[in-house]
N, C-alpha and C. Protein backbone atom coordinates (compact mmCIF):
# COMPACT_ATOMS: atom_id res chain seq x y z
N MET A 1 0.84 -1.18 0.00
CA MET A 1 0.00 0.00 0.00
C MET A 1 0.89 1.24 0.00
N ARG A 2 0.54 2.17 -0.85
CA ARG A 2 1.33 3.38 -0.98
C ARG A 2 0.84 4.44 0.00
N ASP A 3 1.74 5.04 0.73
CA ASP A 3 1.39 6.08 1.69
C ASP A 3 1.81 7.42 1.10
N ASP A 4 0.82 8.21 0.69
CA ASP A 4 1.13 9.49 0.06
C ASP A 4 0.94 10.67 1.01
N LEU A 5 0.75 10.39 2.27
CA LEU A 5 0.62 11.47 3.26
C LEU A 5 1.99 11.90 3.75
N PRO A 6 2.11 13.15 4.20
CA PRO A 6 3.40 13.61 4.72
C PRO A 6 3.77 12.84 5.98
N SER A 7 5.03 12.78 6.26
CA SER A 7 5.50 12.00 7.40
C SER A 7 5.64 12.83 8.68
N ASP A 8 5.60 14.17 8.56
CA ASP A 8 5.81 14.97 9.77
C ASP A 8 4.45 15.38 10.35
N LEU A 9 4.42 15.52 11.67
CA LEU A 9 3.22 15.80 12.43
C LEU A 9 2.61 17.15 12.06
N GLU A 10 3.40 18.16 11.86
CA GLU A 10 2.89 19.51 11.58
C GLU A 10 2.04 19.53 10.30
N ARG A 11 2.54 18.93 9.25
CA ARG A 11 1.77 18.90 7.99
C ARG A 11 0.54 18.00 8.10
N LEU A 12 0.63 16.91 8.84
CA LEU A 12 -0.54 16.05 9.03
C LEU A 12 -1.64 16.80 9.79
N LEU A 13 -1.26 17.55 10.82
CA LEU A 13 -2.25 18.34 11.56
C LEU A 13 -2.85 19.44 10.69
N THR A 14 -2.06 20.04 9.82
CA THR A 14 -2.57 21.05 8.90
C THR A 14 -3.59 20.44 7.95
N LEU A 15 -3.28 19.28 7.39
CA LEU A 15 -4.23 18.59 6.51
C LEU A 15 -5.52 18.22 7.23
N ARG A 16 -5.36 17.76 8.49
CA ARG A 16 -6.55 17.40 9.26
C ARG A 16 -7.43 18.61 9.50
N THR A 17 -6.84 19.76 9.83
CA THR A 17 -7.60 20.99 10.04
C THR A 17 -8.30 21.41 8.75
N TRP A 18 -7.58 21.36 7.65
CA TRP A 18 -8.14 21.75 6.36
C TRP A 18 -9.34 20.87 6.01
N HIS A 19 -9.21 19.57 6.19
CA HIS A 19 -10.31 18.65 5.89
C HIS A 19 -11.48 18.82 6.87
N ALA A 20 -11.18 19.11 8.11
CA ALA A 20 -12.24 19.35 9.08
C ALA A 20 -13.05 20.59 8.69
N LEU A 21 -12.37 21.63 8.20
CA LEU A 21 -13.07 22.83 7.74
C LEU A 21 -13.97 22.51 6.55
N TRP A 22 -13.46 21.70 5.62
CA TRP A 22 -14.27 21.33 4.46
C TRP A 22 -15.47 20.47 4.88
N LEU A 23 -15.29 19.55 5.81
CA LEU A 23 -16.41 18.74 6.28
C LEU A 23 -17.46 19.59 6.95
N ASP A 24 -17.03 20.58 7.73
CA ASP A 24 -17.98 21.49 8.37
C ASP A 24 -18.75 22.27 7.32
N ARG A 25 -18.06 22.74 6.30
CA ARG A 25 -18.70 23.50 5.23
C ARG A 25 -19.71 22.62 4.48
N ILE A 26 -19.33 21.38 4.19
CA ILE A 26 -20.23 20.45 3.51
C ILE A 26 -21.44 20.14 4.37
N ASP A 27 -21.23 19.92 5.67
CA ASP A 27 -22.34 19.63 6.59
C ASP A 27 -23.33 20.79 6.66
N ARG A 28 -22.82 22.03 6.68
CA ARG A 28 -23.71 23.20 6.70
C ARG A 28 -24.54 23.29 5.41
N LYS A 29 -23.92 22.96 4.29
CA LYS A 29 -24.63 22.98 3.02
C LYS A 29 -25.70 21.89 2.98
N ILE A 30 -25.38 20.71 3.48
CA ILE A 30 -26.36 19.62 3.55
C ILE A 30 -27.55 20.04 4.39
N THR A 31 -27.30 20.67 5.53
CA THR A 31 -28.38 21.14 6.40
C THR A 31 -29.25 22.17 5.69
N ALA A 32 -28.63 23.10 4.98
CA ALA A 32 -29.37 24.13 4.26
C ALA A 32 -30.23 23.52 3.15
N VAL A 33 -29.69 22.57 2.41
CA VAL A 33 -30.44 21.93 1.33
C VAL A 33 -31.61 21.13 1.90
N ARG A 34 -31.38 20.40 2.98
CA ARG A 34 -32.48 19.64 3.61
C ARG A 34 -33.58 20.58 4.10
N GLN A 35 -33.20 21.70 4.67
CA GLN A 35 -34.19 22.67 5.15
C GLN A 35 -34.98 23.25 3.97
N ARG A 36 -34.30 23.59 2.88
CA ARG A 36 -34.97 24.14 1.71
C ARG A 36 -35.95 23.11 1.12
N GLU A 37 -35.53 21.85 1.04
CA GLU A 37 -36.40 20.80 0.52
C GLU A 37 -37.61 20.58 1.43
N ALA A 38 -37.41 20.63 2.75
CA ALA A 38 -38.52 20.46 3.69
C ALA A 38 -39.51 21.62 3.56
N GLU A 39 -39.01 22.84 3.40
CA GLU A 39 -39.89 24.00 3.22
C GLU A 39 -40.68 23.89 1.93
N ALA A 40 -40.05 23.43 0.87
CA ALA A 40 -40.74 23.25 -0.41
C ALA A 40 -41.84 22.20 -0.28
N GLU A 41 -41.56 21.13 0.42
CA GLU A 41 -42.56 20.08 0.62
C GLU A 41 -43.73 20.59 1.45
N ARG A 42 -43.45 21.36 2.51
CA ARG A 42 -44.54 21.95 3.30
C ARG A 42 -45.38 22.88 2.43
N GLY A 43 -44.74 23.62 1.55
CA GLY A 43 -45.48 24.51 0.65
C GLY A 43 -46.38 23.73 -0.29
N ARG A 44 -45.89 22.61 -0.82
CA ARG A 44 -46.71 21.77 -1.70
C ARG A 44 -47.90 21.20 -0.95
N GLN A 45 -47.69 20.79 0.30
CA GLN A 45 -48.77 20.20 1.08
C GLN A 45 -49.82 21.23 1.47
N ARG A 46 -49.41 22.48 1.69
CA ARG A 46 -50.34 23.52 2.12
C ARG A 46 -51.02 24.25 0.96
N ARG A 47 -50.57 24.01 -0.27
CA ARG A 47 -51.16 24.68 -1.43
C ARG A 47 -52.62 24.28 -1.54
N PRO A 48 -53.50 25.25 -1.74
CA PRO A 48 -54.92 24.90 -1.88
C PRO A 48 -55.15 24.05 -3.14
N PRO A 49 -56.18 23.22 -3.12
CA PRO A 49 -56.42 22.37 -4.28
C PRO A 49 -56.81 23.22 -5.49
N GLU A 50 -56.47 22.71 -6.65
CA GLU A 50 -56.80 23.41 -7.89
C GLU A 50 -58.30 23.33 -8.12
N PRO A 51 -58.93 24.46 -8.53
CA PRO A 51 -60.39 24.42 -8.76
C PRO A 51 -60.71 23.60 -10.01
N ASP A 52 -61.93 23.11 -10.08
CA ASP A 52 -62.35 22.35 -11.26
C ASP A 52 -62.56 23.28 -12.46
N TRP A 53 -63.03 24.50 -12.18
CA TRP A 53 -63.33 25.48 -13.23
C TRP A 53 -62.83 26.84 -12.79
N MET A 54 -62.43 27.64 -13.76
CA MET A 54 -62.05 29.01 -13.44
C MET A 54 -62.40 29.92 -14.61
N VAL A 55 -62.74 31.14 -14.25
CA VAL A 55 -63.09 32.12 -15.26
C VAL A 55 -61.97 33.16 -15.33
N GLU A 56 -61.54 33.42 -16.55
CA GLU A 56 -60.51 34.45 -16.77
C GLU A 56 -61.21 35.79 -16.83
N LEU A 57 -60.64 36.77 -16.14
CA LEU A 57 -61.27 38.08 -16.03
C LEU A 57 -60.58 39.10 -16.92
N GLY A 58 -61.38 40.03 -17.43
CA GLY A 58 -60.84 41.08 -18.28
C GLY A 58 -60.25 42.21 -17.46
N ILE A 59 -59.87 43.27 -18.16
CA ILE A 59 -59.30 44.45 -17.54
C ILE A 59 -60.36 45.54 -17.53
N GLY A 60 -60.33 46.36 -16.52
CA GLY A 60 -61.22 47.51 -16.50
C GLY A 60 -62.25 47.43 -15.40
N VAL A 61 -63.21 48.32 -15.49
CA VAL A 61 -64.24 48.44 -14.46
C VAL A 61 -65.03 47.15 -14.37
N GLY A 62 -65.11 46.60 -13.20
CA GLY A 62 -65.86 45.38 -12.96
C GLY A 62 -65.18 44.10 -13.39
N ARG A 63 -64.07 44.22 -14.09
CA ARG A 63 -63.32 43.05 -14.57
C ARG A 63 -64.25 41.96 -15.09
N PRO A 64 -64.88 42.21 -16.24
CA PRO A 64 -65.85 41.24 -16.77
C PRO A 64 -65.19 39.92 -17.16
N PRO A 65 -65.92 38.82 -17.03
CA PRO A 65 -65.36 37.53 -17.44
C PRO A 65 -65.18 37.50 -18.96
N ILE A 66 -64.06 36.90 -19.41
CA ILE A 66 -63.82 36.84 -20.86
C ILE A 66 -63.70 35.41 -21.39
N GLU A 67 -63.36 34.45 -20.52
CA GLU A 67 -63.19 33.08 -21.01
C GLU A 67 -63.25 32.10 -19.84
N LEU A 68 -63.81 30.93 -20.10
CA LEU A 68 -63.91 29.88 -19.09
C LEU A 68 -62.86 28.81 -19.37
N HIS A 69 -62.23 28.30 -18.29
CA HIS A 69 -61.18 27.29 -18.39
C HIS A 69 -61.44 26.16 -17.40
N THR A 70 -60.85 25.00 -17.67
CA THR A 70 -60.82 23.95 -16.65
C THR A 70 -59.73 24.34 -15.64
N GLY A 71 -59.73 23.71 -14.50
CA GLY A 71 -58.83 24.10 -13.42
C GLY A 71 -57.35 24.05 -13.75
N GLY A 72 -56.91 23.13 -14.55
CA GLY A 72 -55.48 22.99 -14.82
C GLY A 72 -55.03 23.55 -16.16
N CYS A 73 -55.83 24.40 -16.76
CA CYS A 73 -55.50 24.89 -18.10
C CYS A 73 -54.26 25.79 -18.08
N TYR A 74 -53.32 25.48 -18.94
CA TYR A 74 -52.09 26.27 -19.04
C TYR A 74 -52.32 27.60 -19.75
N ALA A 75 -53.42 27.73 -20.48
CA ALA A 75 -53.66 28.93 -21.27
C ALA A 75 -54.39 30.02 -20.50
N ALA A 76 -54.82 29.73 -19.28
CA ALA A 76 -55.54 30.73 -18.49
C ALA A 76 -54.59 31.86 -18.08
N GLY A 77 -55.09 33.07 -18.14
CA GLY A 77 -54.28 34.21 -17.74
C GLY A 77 -54.14 34.32 -16.24
N LYS A 78 -53.50 35.37 -15.78
CA LYS A 78 -53.26 35.55 -14.35
C LYS A 78 -54.47 36.12 -13.62
N ARG A 79 -55.32 36.84 -14.34
CA ARG A 79 -56.52 37.41 -13.71
C ARG A 79 -57.63 36.37 -13.84
N ARG A 80 -57.89 35.67 -12.77
CA ARG A 80 -58.90 34.61 -12.81
C ARG A 80 -59.46 34.37 -11.42
N ARG A 81 -60.59 33.70 -11.40
CA ARG A 81 -61.19 33.31 -10.13
C ARG A 81 -61.85 31.96 -10.31
N PRO A 82 -61.89 31.16 -9.24
CA PRO A 82 -62.53 29.84 -9.34
C PRO A 82 -64.05 29.99 -9.39
N VAL A 83 -64.70 29.08 -10.09
CA VAL A 83 -66.17 29.02 -10.13
C VAL A 83 -66.58 27.57 -9.96
N ASP A 84 -67.81 27.37 -9.47
CA ASP A 84 -68.30 25.99 -9.34
C ASP A 84 -68.94 25.54 -10.65
N ARG A 85 -69.34 24.30 -10.71
CA ARG A 85 -69.87 23.71 -11.93
C ARG A 85 -71.12 24.44 -12.43
N ASP A 86 -72.01 24.77 -11.50
CA ASP A 86 -73.25 25.44 -11.90
C ASP A 86 -72.97 26.81 -12.51
N GLU A 87 -72.08 27.58 -11.89
CA GLU A 87 -71.75 28.90 -12.43
C GLU A 87 -71.04 28.77 -13.77
N ALA A 88 -70.20 27.77 -13.92
CA ALA A 88 -69.51 27.55 -15.19
C ALA A 88 -70.52 27.26 -16.29
N ARG A 89 -71.49 26.41 -16.01
CA ARG A 89 -72.53 26.11 -17.01
C ARG A 89 -73.36 27.35 -17.33
N ARG A 90 -73.68 28.14 -16.30
CA ARG A 90 -74.47 29.36 -16.50
C ARG A 90 -73.70 30.36 -17.37
N LEU A 91 -72.38 30.50 -17.10
CA LEU A 91 -71.57 31.44 -17.87
C LEU A 91 -71.48 31.02 -19.34
N LEU A 92 -71.31 29.72 -19.58
CA LEU A 92 -71.27 29.25 -20.97
C LEU A 92 -72.62 29.44 -21.66
N ALA A 93 -73.70 29.17 -20.93
CA ALA A 93 -75.04 29.34 -21.51
C ALA A 93 -75.33 30.81 -21.83
N SER A 94 -74.71 31.72 -21.08
CA SER A 94 -74.94 33.15 -21.34
C SER A 94 -74.04 33.69 -22.46
N GLY A 95 -73.21 32.82 -23.05
CA GLY A 95 -72.41 33.22 -24.20
C GLY A 95 -70.93 33.43 -23.93
N LEU A 96 -70.48 33.14 -22.73
CA LEU A 96 -69.05 33.29 -22.44
C LEU A 96 -68.25 32.30 -23.28
N ARG A 97 -67.13 32.74 -23.81
CA ARG A 97 -66.28 31.92 -24.67
C ARG A 97 -65.60 30.81 -23.84
N ALA A 98 -65.59 29.61 -24.40
CA ALA A 98 -64.89 28.48 -23.78
C ALA A 98 -63.47 28.43 -24.35
N CYS A 99 -62.52 28.13 -23.51
CA CYS A 99 -61.12 28.04 -23.93
C CYS A 99 -60.98 26.97 -25.02
N ARG A 100 -60.23 27.28 -26.06
CA ARG A 100 -60.03 26.34 -27.16
C ARG A 100 -59.01 25.26 -26.83
N HIS A 101 -58.26 25.46 -25.76
CA HIS A 101 -57.22 24.49 -25.39
C HIS A 101 -57.76 23.41 -24.46
N CYS A 102 -58.45 23.81 -23.42
CA CYS A 102 -58.91 22.83 -22.42
C CYS A 102 -60.36 22.39 -22.64
N ARG A 103 -61.10 23.09 -23.46
CA ARG A 103 -62.48 22.77 -23.83
C ARG A 103 -63.39 22.47 -22.63
N PRO A 104 -63.61 23.45 -21.75
CA PRO A 104 -64.49 23.21 -20.60
C PRO A 104 -65.93 22.90 -21.01
N ASP A 105 -66.36 23.38 -22.17
CA ASP A 105 -67.72 23.09 -22.63
C ASP A 105 -67.91 21.60 -22.84
N ARG A 106 -66.93 20.93 -23.35
CA ARG A 106 -67.03 19.47 -23.54
C ARG A 106 -67.05 18.74 -22.20
N HIS A 107 -66.23 19.22 -21.25
CA HIS A 107 -66.22 18.59 -19.92
C HIS A 107 -67.55 18.78 -19.21
N LEU A 108 -68.23 19.87 -19.50
CA LEU A 108 -69.51 20.16 -18.86
C LEU A 108 -70.68 19.57 -19.64
N GLY A 109 -70.42 18.99 -20.78
CA GLY A 109 -71.48 18.38 -21.58
C GLY A 109 -72.29 19.39 -22.36
N ILE A 110 -71.71 20.54 -22.65
CA ILE A 110 -72.39 21.57 -23.44
C ILE A 110 -71.76 21.58 -24.82
N PHE A 111 -72.57 21.26 -25.82
CA PHE A 111 -72.06 21.19 -27.19
C PHE A 111 -72.79 22.22 -28.02
N ASP A 112 -72.05 22.89 -28.90
CA ASP A 112 -72.66 23.88 -29.79
C ASP A 112 -73.25 23.22 -31.00
C-alpha cells in the first residue's frame, strides 16, 4: 500500500484541520439543502387544491369575465377566479367563450 501522506506531524495536523473545515462546510450545506427541501414540501402540502373550473377576467371596471377554463389549463391568464360547476354552465349558456385548449364546454357536456 502506498502512503502518500506527509511523514511529519505539523503537515498532518494542517491537513486534518483543512479537511475538518471542508467537512464542516459540507455539513452546513447539507443542512441548508435539507431545510430548503422540507420547506418546499410543506409549501406543496399547504397549497390549496386546484379548482375544477375558473373564469378568466378582463381588464377595467368590474373586470368582466372573458373566457372559461378547466382548473389545470395552461392557457388561463393571471386574472382569474374559481367558479363551481353550476356557475360555469351558466356562464357558458350566457355566451361566455370556452377556452379552445382545455375545452371546458365538452367537460360540462355543453355542445354547440
